[in-house]
Amino acid sequence: MWHKMSKTLSPIRKRMLVRLRVRALRRRVWFKVLDRLERAGVELTIKVVDAVRSPVLARMLLSVVAKLMDAMESPVARMMREVGSDLVRRASRIAQQWGHRSAHRWKADLRFIRFLAVMQMCTSPMFST
């Protein structure tokens, strides 16, 4: 949503930045992810502007927003995006080769993607104790 904004979508608004800042502060990523200049740019924009019209400022804010959204993404959501979708595509392709006609629908099933991502997390050495 945030990092996929372009000229065709609505401009960045003060209200959106305030909500993002509060959320980042609550999740303790505001100071970890952003440097002093990035934080100052967002704070100043919140104080001065209601809607960002400058393409240069919008580009800077979008990079900050993308950083924050990436830092606030849950481990399960990240695994769903990075691993789960690929596993579902492979499983769907194999099942279709075996004659399972409805397997093409698996690619759009978020519950199945989440299931495979969580299963991968449980078997991954990175998540073992």
N, C-alpha and C. Protein backbone atom coordinates (compact mmCIF):
# COMPACT_ATOMS: atom_id res chain seq x y z
N MET A 1 0.83 -1.18 0.00
CA MET A 1 0.00 0.00 0.00
C MET A 1 0.87 1.24 0.00
N TRP A 2 1.68 1.46 1.03
CA TRP A 2 2.46 2.68 1.16
C TRP A 2 3.55 2.76 0.10
N HIS A 3 4.37 1.70 0.00
CA HIS A 3 5.52 1.78 -0.88
C HIS A 3 5.17 1.57 -2.34
N LYS A 4 3.93 1.30 -2.64
CA LYS A 4 3.51 1.11 -4.02
C LYS A 4 2.79 2.35 -4.55
N MET A 5 2.89 3.46 -3.83
CA MET A 5 2.21 4.68 -4.25
C MET A 5 2.90 5.25 -5.49
N SER A 6 2.14 5.86 -6.32
CA SER A 6 2.70 6.51 -7.50
C SER A 6 1.94 7.79 -7.77
N LYS A 7 2.22 8.43 -8.90
CA LYS A 7 1.56 9.69 -9.24
C LYS A 7 0.06 9.50 -9.45
N THR A 8 -0.36 8.30 -9.79
CA THR A 8 -1.77 8.07 -10.08
C THR A 8 -2.61 7.93 -8.82
N LEU A 9 -1.97 7.64 -7.69
CA LEU A 9 -2.71 7.49 -6.45
C LEU A 9 -2.76 8.82 -5.72
N SER A 10 -3.52 8.86 -4.64
CA SER A 10 -3.67 10.10 -3.89
C SER A 10 -2.33 10.53 -3.29
N PRO A 11 -2.17 11.83 -3.05
CA PRO A 11 -0.90 12.32 -2.51
C PRO A 11 -0.69 11.85 -1.06
N ILE A 12 0.53 11.94 -0.63
CA ILE A 12 0.85 11.60 0.75
C ILE A 12 0.25 12.70 1.63
N ARG A 13 -0.51 12.29 2.62
CA ARG A 13 -1.19 13.26 3.47
C ARG A 13 -0.62 13.22 4.89
N LYS A 14 -0.80 14.32 5.56
CA LYS A 14 -0.33 14.48 6.94
C LYS A 14 -0.87 13.37 7.85
N ARG A 15 -2.16 13.08 7.72
CA ARG A 15 -2.81 12.07 8.56
C ARG A 15 -2.14 10.70 8.40
N MET A 16 -1.77 10.35 7.16
CA MET A 16 -1.12 9.07 6.91
C MET A 16 0.25 9.02 7.59
N LEU A 17 0.99 10.12 7.50
CA LEU A 17 2.32 10.17 8.11
C LEU A 17 2.25 10.10 9.63
N VAL A 18 1.25 10.78 10.20
CA VAL A 18 1.08 10.75 11.66
C VAL A 18 0.79 9.32 12.12
N ARG A 19 -0.12 8.65 11.42
CA ARG A 19 -0.45 7.26 11.79
C ARG A 19 0.77 6.34 11.68
N LEU A 20 1.52 6.51 10.60
CA LEU A 20 2.71 5.69 10.40
C LEU A 20 3.74 5.95 11.49
N ARG A 21 3.94 7.21 11.85
CA ARG A 21 4.91 7.55 12.91
C ARG A 21 4.50 6.92 14.23
N VAL A 22 3.22 7.03 14.59
CA VAL A 22 2.74 6.45 15.85
C VAL A 22 2.94 4.93 15.85
N ARG A 23 2.59 4.31 14.75
CA ARG A 23 2.75 2.85 14.64
C ARG A 23 4.22 2.44 14.74
N ALA A 24 5.10 3.20 14.08
CA ALA A 24 6.54 2.90 14.12
C ALA A 24 7.10 3.12 15.52
N LEU A 25 6.64 4.15 16.20
CA LEU A 25 7.09 4.38 17.58
C LEU A 25 6.63 3.24 18.49
N ARG A 26 5.39 2.81 18.33
CA ARG A 26 4.87 1.73 19.17
C ARG A 26 5.60 0.41 18.94
N ARG A 27 6.01 0.19 17.71
CA ARG A 27 6.74 -1.05 17.38
C ARG A 27 8.25 -0.91 17.55
N ARG A 28 8.66 0.23 18.01
CA ARG A 28 10.06 0.51 18.32
C ARG A 28 10.99 0.40 17.13
N VAL A 29 10.53 0.86 15.99
CA VAL A 29 11.39 0.87 14.80
C VAL A 29 11.71 2.27 14.32
N TRP A 30 11.03 3.28 14.84
CA TRP A 30 11.22 4.66 14.39
C TRP A 30 12.69 5.09 14.50
N PHE A 31 13.30 4.85 15.66
CA PHE A 31 14.68 5.26 15.87
C PHE A 31 15.69 4.23 15.36
N LYS A 32 15.29 2.98 15.28
CA LYS A 32 16.21 1.94 14.80
C LYS A 32 16.44 2.00 13.30
N VAL A 33 15.39 2.29 12.56
CA VAL A 33 15.44 2.19 11.11
C VAL A 33 15.79 3.51 10.44
N LEU A 34 15.31 4.60 11.00
CA LEU A 34 15.49 5.90 10.34
C LEU A 34 16.65 6.67 10.96
N ASP A 35 17.40 7.36 10.12
CA ASP A 35 18.44 8.24 10.65
C ASP A 35 17.82 9.60 11.00
N ARG A 36 18.63 10.48 11.57
CA ARG A 36 18.14 11.76 12.06
C ARG A 36 17.50 12.60 10.95
N LEU A 37 18.10 12.62 9.77
CA LEU A 37 17.57 13.42 8.66
C LEU A 37 16.21 12.89 8.18
N GLU A 38 16.08 11.58 8.11
CA GLU A 38 14.81 11.00 7.67
C GLU A 38 13.69 11.31 8.67
N ARG A 39 14.00 11.16 9.96
CA ARG A 39 13.00 11.49 10.98
C ARG A 39 12.63 12.96 10.93
N ALA A 40 13.64 13.83 10.77
CA ALA A 40 13.38 15.27 10.69
C ALA A 40 12.53 15.62 9.47
N GLY A 41 12.79 14.96 8.34
CA GLY A 41 11.99 15.20 7.15
C GLY A 41 10.54 14.86 7.34
N VAL A 42 10.27 13.73 7.99
CA VAL A 42 8.88 13.33 8.24
C VAL A 42 8.24 14.28 9.25
N GLU A 43 8.96 14.60 10.33
CA GLU A 43 8.41 15.50 11.36
C GLU A 43 8.09 16.87 10.78
N LEU A 44 9.00 17.41 9.98
CA LEU A 44 8.78 18.72 9.38
C LEU A 44 7.61 18.70 8.40
N THR A 45 7.51 17.62 7.64
CA THR A 45 6.39 17.49 6.70
C THR A 45 5.07 17.45 7.46
N ILE A 46 5.02 16.74 8.56
CA ILE A 46 3.81 16.66 9.37
C ILE A 46 3.43 18.05 9.90
N LYS A 47 4.42 18.82 10.31
CA LYS A 47 4.14 20.15 10.88
C LYS A 47 3.73 21.19 9.84
N VAL A 48 4.25 21.07 8.62
CA VAL A 48 4.10 22.15 7.65
C VAL A 48 3.07 21.87 6.56
N VAL A 49 2.96 20.61 6.13
CA VAL A 49 2.21 20.29 4.91
C VAL A 49 0.99 19.44 5.23
N ASP A 50 -0.12 19.71 4.55
CA ASP A 50 -1.30 18.84 4.67
C ASP A 50 -1.27 17.73 3.64
N ALA A 51 -0.88 18.06 2.42
CA ALA A 51 -0.74 17.07 1.35
C ALA A 51 0.53 17.40 0.57
N VAL A 52 1.36 16.40 0.36
CA VAL A 52 2.64 16.58 -0.32
C VAL A 52 2.39 16.71 -1.82
N ARG A 53 2.90 17.81 -2.40
CA ARG A 53 2.76 18.02 -3.84
C ARG A 53 4.11 17.96 -4.55
N SER A 54 5.16 18.15 -3.82
CA SER A 54 6.50 18.15 -4.42
C SER A 54 6.94 16.73 -4.75
N PRO A 55 7.32 16.45 -5.99
CA PRO A 55 7.78 15.11 -6.34
C PRO A 55 9.06 14.72 -5.61
N VAL A 56 9.92 15.67 -5.35
CA VAL A 56 11.17 15.38 -4.63
C VAL A 56 10.88 14.97 -3.20
N LEU A 57 10.03 15.73 -2.52
CA LEU A 57 9.65 15.40 -1.15
C LEU A 57 8.89 14.07 -1.11
N ALA A 58 8.00 13.86 -2.06
CA ALA A 58 7.24 12.61 -2.11
C ALA A 58 8.16 11.41 -2.28
N ARG A 59 9.17 11.54 -3.13
CA ARG A 59 10.13 10.45 -3.34
C ARG A 59 10.88 10.13 -2.05
N MET A 60 11.32 11.19 -1.33
CA MET A 60 12.03 10.99 -0.07
C MET A 60 11.11 10.32 0.95
N LEU A 61 9.88 10.80 1.05
CA LEU A 61 8.94 10.23 2.02
C LEU A 61 8.59 8.79 1.68
N LEU A 62 8.45 8.49 0.41
CA LEU A 62 8.13 7.11 0.02
C LEU A 62 9.25 6.15 0.38
N SER A 63 10.50 6.60 0.27
CA SER A 63 11.61 5.72 0.67
C SER A 63 11.59 5.50 2.18
N VAL A 64 11.26 6.54 2.94
CA VAL A 64 11.17 6.41 4.40
C VAL A 64 10.02 5.48 4.76
N VAL A 65 8.89 5.67 4.11
CA VAL A 65 7.71 4.83 4.37
C VAL A 65 8.03 3.37 4.05
N ALA A 66 8.70 3.13 2.94
CA ALA A 66 9.05 1.75 2.57
C ALA A 66 9.96 1.12 3.61
N LYS A 67 10.92 1.89 4.12
CA LYS A 67 11.81 1.38 5.17
C LYS A 67 11.03 0.98 6.41
N LEU A 68 10.13 1.86 6.82
CA LEU A 68 9.33 1.59 8.02
C LEU A 68 8.41 0.39 7.82
N MET A 69 7.75 0.34 6.69
CA MET A 69 6.83 -0.78 6.44
C MET A 69 7.58 -2.10 6.41
N ASP A 70 8.75 -2.11 5.81
CA ASP A 70 9.57 -3.32 5.78
C ASP A 70 9.98 -3.73 7.19
N ALA A 71 10.35 -2.76 8.01
CA ALA A 71 10.78 -3.06 9.38
C ALA A 71 9.62 -3.53 10.26
N MET A 72 8.41 -3.10 9.94
CA MET A 72 7.26 -3.47 10.76
C MET A 72 6.55 -4.73 10.28
N GLU A 73 7.00 -5.29 9.17
CA GLU A 73 6.36 -6.50 8.63
C GLU A 73 6.58 -7.68 9.57
N SER A 74 5.55 -8.44 9.81
CA SER A 74 5.66 -9.59 10.71
C SER A 74 6.48 -10.69 10.06
N PRO A 75 7.11 -11.54 10.86
CA PRO A 75 7.90 -12.65 10.29
C PRO A 75 7.05 -13.59 9.43
N VAL A 76 5.81 -13.82 9.82
CA VAL A 76 4.95 -14.71 9.04
C VAL A 76 4.62 -14.07 7.70
N ALA A 77 4.29 -12.78 7.70
CA ALA A 77 3.98 -12.09 6.45
C ALA A 77 5.19 -12.09 5.51
N ARG A 78 6.37 -11.89 6.08
CA ARG A 78 7.59 -11.89 5.26
C ARG A 78 7.82 -13.28 4.67
N MET A 79 7.63 -14.32 5.46
CA MET A 79 7.81 -15.68 4.96
C MET A 79 6.75 -16.02 3.91
N MET A 80 5.53 -15.53 4.10
CA MET A 80 4.49 -15.77 3.10
C MET A 80 4.90 -15.14 1.77
N ARG A 81 5.44 -13.94 1.83
CA ARG A 81 5.83 -13.22 0.62
C ARG A 81 7.07 -13.84 -0.02
N GLU A 82 8.07 -14.16 0.80
CA GLU A 82 9.35 -14.61 0.26
C GLU A 82 9.38 -16.10 -0.07
N VAL A 83 8.72 -16.92 0.73
CA VAL A 83 8.85 -18.37 0.58
C VAL A 83 7.53 -19.05 0.25
N GLY A 84 6.47 -18.67 0.95
CA GLY A 84 5.19 -19.36 0.81
C GLY A 84 4.63 -19.36 -0.59
N SER A 85 4.68 -18.22 -1.26
CA SER A 85 4.14 -18.13 -2.62
C SER A 85 4.89 -19.03 -3.58
N ASP A 86 6.19 -19.08 -3.44
CA ASP A 86 7.00 -19.94 -4.31
C ASP A 86 6.70 -21.42 -4.05
N LEU A 87 6.56 -21.79 -2.78
CA LEU A 87 6.23 -23.19 -2.45
C LEU A 87 4.87 -23.58 -3.01
N VAL A 88 3.90 -22.68 -2.91
CA VAL A 88 2.56 -22.97 -3.42
C VAL A 88 2.59 -23.13 -4.94
N ARG A 89 3.33 -22.28 -5.62
CA ARG A 89 3.43 -22.41 -7.09
C ARG A 89 4.02 -23.76 -7.48
N ARG A 90 5.08 -24.15 -6.79
CA ARG A 90 5.70 -25.45 -7.11
C ARG A 90 4.76 -26.61 -6.81
N ALA A 91 4.09 -26.56 -5.64
CA ALA A 91 3.16 -27.63 -5.28
C ALA A 91 1.99 -27.69 -6.26
N SER A 92 1.50 -26.53 -6.67
CA SER A 92 0.40 -26.46 -7.62
C SER A 92 0.81 -27.07 -8.97
N ARG A 93 2.00 -26.72 -9.43
CA ARG A 93 2.48 -27.25 -10.71
C ARG A 93 2.62 -28.77 -10.66
N ILE A 94 3.16 -29.29 -9.58
CA ILE A 94 3.32 -30.74 -9.45
C ILE A 94 1.96 -31.43 -9.39
N ALA A 95 1.04 -30.85 -8.60
CA ALA A 95 -0.30 -31.45 -8.48
C ALA A 95 -1.03 -31.43 -9.82
N GLN A 96 -0.87 -30.37 -10.60
CA GLN A 96 -1.50 -30.31 -11.92
C GLN A 96 -0.90 -31.35 -12.85
N GLN A 97 0.39 -31.59 -12.75
CA GLN A 97 1.03 -32.63 -13.57
C GLN A 97 0.51 -34.01 -13.19
N TRP A 98 0.14 -34.19 -11.94
CA TRP A 98 -0.41 -35.46 -11.50
C TRP A 98 -1.90 -35.60 -11.81
N GLY A 99 -2.50 -34.55 -12.39
CA GLY A 99 -3.89 -34.63 -12.79
C GLY A 99 -4.88 -33.95 -11.86
N HIS A 100 -4.42 -33.26 -10.86
CA HIS A 100 -5.32 -32.54 -9.94
C HIS A 100 -5.73 -31.23 -10.61
N ARG A 101 -6.93 -31.21 -11.19
CA ARG A 101 -7.37 -30.08 -12.01
C ARG A 101 -7.55 -28.77 -11.25
N SER A 102 -7.98 -28.84 -10.00
CA SER A 102 -8.25 -27.60 -9.26
C SER A 102 -7.01 -27.05 -8.55
N ALA A 103 -5.87 -27.64 -8.76
CA ALA A 103 -4.65 -27.20 -8.08
C ALA A 103 -4.22 -25.80 -8.50
N HIS A 104 -4.67 -25.33 -9.64
CA HIS A 104 -4.30 -23.99 -10.08
C HIS A 104 -4.85 -22.92 -9.14
N ARG A 105 -5.91 -23.25 -8.39
CA ARG A 105 -6.51 -22.30 -7.45
C ARG A 105 -5.68 -22.12 -6.18
N TRP A 106 -4.77 -23.02 -5.93
CA TRP A 106 -3.96 -22.94 -4.72
C TRP A 106 -3.14 -21.66 -4.67
N LYS A 107 -2.73 -21.17 -5.82
CA LYS A 107 -1.86 -19.98 -5.88
C LYS A 107 -2.51 -18.76 -5.26
N ALA A 108 -3.83 -18.72 -5.25
CA ALA A 108 -4.56 -17.57 -4.69
C ALA A 108 -5.06 -17.81 -3.27
N ASP A 109 -4.80 -18.98 -2.72
CA ASP A 109 -5.31 -19.34 -1.40
C ASP A 109 -4.33 -18.87 -0.32
N LEU A 110 -4.62 -17.74 0.30
CA LEU A 110 -3.72 -17.17 1.31
C LEU A 110 -3.56 -18.07 2.53
N ARG A 111 -4.59 -18.84 2.86
CA ARG A 111 -4.47 -19.76 4.00
C ARG A 111 -3.45 -20.85 3.72
N PHE A 112 -3.46 -21.37 2.49
CA PHE A 112 -2.50 -22.41 2.12
C PHE A 112 -1.09 -21.82 2.05
N ILE A 113 -0.97 -20.60 1.53
CA ILE A 113 0.34 -19.93 1.48
C ILE A 113 0.87 -19.73 2.89
N ARG A 114 0.00 -19.27 3.81
CA ARG A 114 0.41 -19.08 5.20
C ARG A 114 0.81 -20.41 5.84
N PHE A 115 0.04 -21.45 5.58
CA PHE A 115 0.35 -22.77 6.13
C PHE A 115 1.74 -23.23 5.69
N LEU A 116 2.02 -23.12 4.40
CA LEU A 116 3.33 -23.56 3.91
C LEU A 116 4.46 -22.68 4.46
N ALA A 117 4.20 -21.38 4.60
CA ALA A 117 5.22 -20.48 5.15
C ALA A 117 5.52 -20.83 6.60
N VAL A 118 4.48 -21.09 7.39
CA VAL A 118 4.68 -21.45 8.79
C VAL A 118 5.38 -22.81 8.90
N MET A 119 5.01 -23.75 8.05
CA MET A 119 5.70 -25.04 8.05
C MET A 119 7.18 -24.87 7.71
N GLN A 120 7.47 -23.99 6.77
CA GLN A 120 8.85 -23.71 6.41
C GLN A 120 9.59 -23.07 7.58
N MET A 121 8.91 -22.18 8.30
CA MET A 121 9.53 -21.55 9.46
C MET A 121 9.87 -22.59 10.52
N CYS A 122 8.99 -23.57 10.68
CA CYS A 122 9.22 -24.60 11.71
C CYS A 122 10.36 -25.53 11.34
N THR A 123 10.61 -25.69 10.05
CA THR A 123 11.68 -26.60 9.64
C THR A 123 12.98 -25.87 9.35
N SER A 124 12.93 -24.55 9.25
CA SER A 124 14.12 -23.77 8.93
C SER A 124 15.05 -23.72 10.13
N PRO A 125 16.35 -23.94 9.96
CA PRO A 125 17.29 -23.89 11.07
C PRO A 125 17.39 -22.50 11.70
N MET A 126 17.03 -21.48 10.93
CA MET A 126 17.09 -20.11 11.45
C MET A 126 16.11 -19.92 12.59
N PHE A 127 14.98 -20.62 12.59
CA PHE A 127 13.96 -20.44 13.60
C PHE A 127 14.01 -21.52 14.70
N SER A 128 14.96 -22.44 14.61
CA SER A 128 15.03 -23.47 15.64
C SER A 128 15.82 -22.97 16.83
N THR A 129 15.54 -23.56 17.98
CA THR A 129 16.22 -23.12 19.21
C THR A 129 17.30 -24.08 19.62
